[in-house]
Amino acid sequence: MLHYLISRLRRSPIREDAMLKRTETRDGVKNVQFVSFLQQSGFRKRALDRHDKTKRFKKSVAILAIWSFLIACGWIAYESAEALELF
């Protein structure tokens, strides 16, 4: 389970659209005007923001789950020690 949570917290290696971030002329882009039009019109910016918000939400839920699990384990250990102390 810990491996699953760590994999969910890992960031994606691709942060932005690679086609829109090309700056060199010899990159092999065949239709530079079209890419420039997409960049100026804000193509996929809203979808990327929504994707980042979803990733941040999943990360915060995973962190909250980890902390609640650790607090529950600590509480169980404390209660067990207190119960053993009575006997």
C-alpha atoms as a PDB file:
ATOM      1  CA  MET A   1       0.000   0.000   0.000  1.00  0.00           C
ATOM      2  CA  LEU A   2       2.869   2.353   0.755  1.00  0.00           C
ATOM      3  CA  HIS A   3       4.304   1.739  -2.725  1.00  0.00           C
ATOM      4  CA  TYR A   4       0.922   2.663  -4.239  1.00  0.00           C
ATOM      5  CA  LEU A   5       0.733   5.903  -2.259  1.00  0.00           C
ATOM      6  CA  ILE A   6       4.306   6.849  -3.172  1.00  0.00           C
ATOM      7  CA  SER A   7       3.575   6.217  -6.842  1.00  0.00           C
ATOM      8  CA  ARG A   8       0.467   8.448  -6.605  1.00  0.00           C
ATOM      9  CA  LEU A   9       2.542  11.264  -5.067  1.00  0.00           C
ATOM     10  CA  ARG A  10       5.206  11.110  -7.775  1.00  0.00           C
ATOM     11  CA  ARG A  11       5.085  13.973 -10.271  1.00  0.00           C
ATOM     12  CA  SER A  12       4.643  13.423 -13.954  1.00  0.00           C
ATOM     13  CA  PRO A  13       7.833  14.008 -15.988  1.00  0.00           C
ATOM     14  CA  ILE A  14       5.833  15.939 -18.623  1.00  0.00           C
ATOM     15  CA  ARG A  15       4.711  19.254 -17.175  1.00  0.00           C
ATOM     16  CA  GLU A  16       3.650  21.122 -20.330  1.00  0.00           C
ATOM     17  CA  ASP A  17       2.730  20.375 -23.909  1.00  0.00           C
ATOM     18  CA  ALA A  18       6.000  19.583 -25.692  1.00  0.00           C
ATOM     19  CA  MET A  19       4.785  20.720 -29.120  1.00  0.00           C
ATOM     20  CA  LEU A  20       3.974  24.236 -27.908  1.00  0.00           C
ATOM     21  CA  LYS A  21       7.253  24.702 -26.017  1.00  0.00           C
ATOM     22  CA  ARG A  22       9.626  24.104 -28.937  1.00  0.00           C
ATOM     23  CA  THR A  23      11.852  27.118 -29.589  1.00  0.00           C
ATOM     24  CA  GLU A  24      14.501  25.958 -32.038  1.00  0.00           C
ATOM     25  CA  THR A  25      13.850  26.218 -35.771  1.00  0.00           C
ATOM     26  CA  ARG A  26      15.370  22.847 -36.601  1.00  0.00           C
ATOM     27  CA  ASP A  27      13.163  20.861 -34.252  1.00  0.00           C
ATOM     28  CA  GLY A  28      11.220  19.382 -37.123  1.00  0.00           C
ATOM     29  CA  VAL A  29       7.913  21.217 -36.702  1.00  0.00           C
ATOM     30  CA  LYS A  30       6.268  21.085 -40.105  1.00  0.00           C
ATOM     31  CA  ASN A  31       3.582  23.718 -39.591  1.00  0.00           C
ATOM     32  CA  VAL A  32       5.056  26.523 -37.507  1.00  0.00           C
ATOM     33  CA  GLN A  33       2.171  28.918 -38.150  1.00  0.00           C
ATOM     34  CA  PHE A  34      -0.337  26.416 -36.813  1.00  0.00           C
ATOM     35  CA  VAL A  35       1.675  25.827 -33.655  1.00  0.00           C
ATOM     36  CA  SER A  36       2.043  29.586 -33.212  1.00  0.00           C
ATOM     37  CA  PHE A  37      -1.722  30.002 -33.630  1.00  0.00           C
ATOM     38  CA  LEU A  38      -2.377  27.308 -31.020  1.00  0.00           C
ATOM     39  CA  GLN A  39       0.024  28.938 -28.603  1.00  0.00           C
ATOM     40  CA  GLN A  40      -1.505  32.399 -29.027  1.00  0.00           C
ATOM     41  CA  SER A  41      -5.078  31.143 -28.760  1.00  0.00           C
ATOM     42  CA  GLY A  42      -4.359  29.395 -25.461  1.00  0.00           C
ATOM     43  CA  PHE A  43      -5.017  25.896 -26.732  1.00  0.00           C
ATOM     44  CA  ARG A  44      -5.233  23.279 -23.943  1.00  0.00           C
ATOM     45  CA  LYS A  45      -4.441  25.743 -21.174  1.00  0.00           C
ATOM     46  CA  ARG A  46      -7.724  25.162 -19.390  1.00  0.00           C
ATOM     47  CA  ALA A  47      -7.425  21.391 -19.637  1.00  0.00           C
ATOM     48  CA  LEU A  48      -3.871  21.514 -18.267  1.00  0.00           C
ATOM     49  CA  ASP A  49      -5.016  23.640 -15.335  1.00  0.00           C
ATOM     50  CA  ARG A  50      -7.809  21.200 -14.588  1.00  0.00           C
ATOM     51  CA  HIS A  51      -5.331  18.330 -14.830  1.00  0.00           C
ATOM     52  CA  ASP A  52      -2.951  20.045 -12.405  1.00  0.00           C
ATOM     53  CA  LYS A  53      -5.813  20.758  -9.991  1.00  0.00           C
ATOM     54  CA  THR A  54      -6.827  17.110 -10.100  1.00  0.00           C
ATOM     55  CA  LYS A  55      -3.246  16.014  -9.456  1.00  0.00           C
ATOM     56  CA  ARG A  56      -2.930  18.405  -6.506  1.00  0.00           C
ATOM     57  CA  PHE A  57      -6.241  17.158  -5.075  1.00  0.00           C
ATOM     58  CA  LYS A  58      -5.163  13.513  -5.376  1.00  0.00           C
ATOM     59  CA  LYS A  59      -1.848  14.334  -3.725  1.00  0.00           C
ATOM     60  CA  SER A  60      -3.548  16.111  -0.818  1.00  0.00           C
ATOM     61  CA  VAL A  61      -5.966  13.189  -0.366  1.00  0.00           C
ATOM     62  CA  ALA A  62      -3.038  10.750  -0.341  1.00  0.00           C
ATOM     63  CA  ILE A  63      -1.156  12.840   2.234  1.00  0.00           C
ATOM     64  CA  LEU A  64      -4.299  13.088   4.359  1.00  0.00           C
ATOM     65  CA  ALA A  65      -4.751   9.302   4.156  1.00  0.00           C
ATOM     66  CA  ILE A  66      -1.145   8.693   5.201  1.00  0.00           C
ATOM     67  CA  TRP A  67      -1.408  11.065   8.182  1.00  0.00           C
ATOM     68  CA  SER A  68      -4.726   9.584   9.308  1.00  0.00           C
ATOM     69  CA  PHE A  69      -3.262   6.067   9.058  1.00  0.00           C
ATOM     70  CA  LEU A  70      -0.237   7.091  11.143  1.00  0.00           C
ATOM     71  CA  ILE A  71      -2.420   8.793  13.751  1.00  0.00           C
ATOM     72  CA  ALA A  72      -4.659   5.707  13.947  1.00  0.00           C
ATOM     73  CA  CYS A  73      -1.612   3.448  14.425  1.00  0.00           C
ATOM     74  CA  GLY A  74      -0.312   5.733  17.168  1.00  0.00           C
ATOM     75  CA  TRP A  75      -3.681   5.761  18.889  1.00  0.00           C
ATOM     76  CA  ILE A  76      -3.906   1.952  18.770  1.00  0.00           C
ATOM     77  CA  ALA A  77      -0.392   1.647  20.182  1.00  0.00           C
ATOM     78  CA  TYR A  78      -1.221   4.098  22.982  1.00  0.00           C
ATOM     79  CA  GLU A  79      -4.467   2.336  23.887  1.00  0.00           C
ATOM     80  CA  SER A  80      -2.742  -1.069  23.790  1.00  0.00           C
ATOM     81  CA  ALA A  81       0.019   0.165  26.112  1.00  0.00           C
ATOM     82  CA  GLU A  82      -2.578   1.643  28.466  1.00  0.00           C
ATOM     83  CA  ALA A  83      -4.583  -1.627  28.478  1.00  0.00           C
ATOM     84  CA  LEU A  84      -1.457  -3.678  29.161  1.00  0.00           C
ATOM     85  CA  GLU A  85      -0.547  -1.329  31.982  1.00  0.00           C
ATOM     86  CA  LEU A  86      -3.809  -2.143  33.782  1.00  0.00           C
ATOM     87  CA  PHE A  87      -3.011  -5.875  33.837  1.00  0.00           C
END
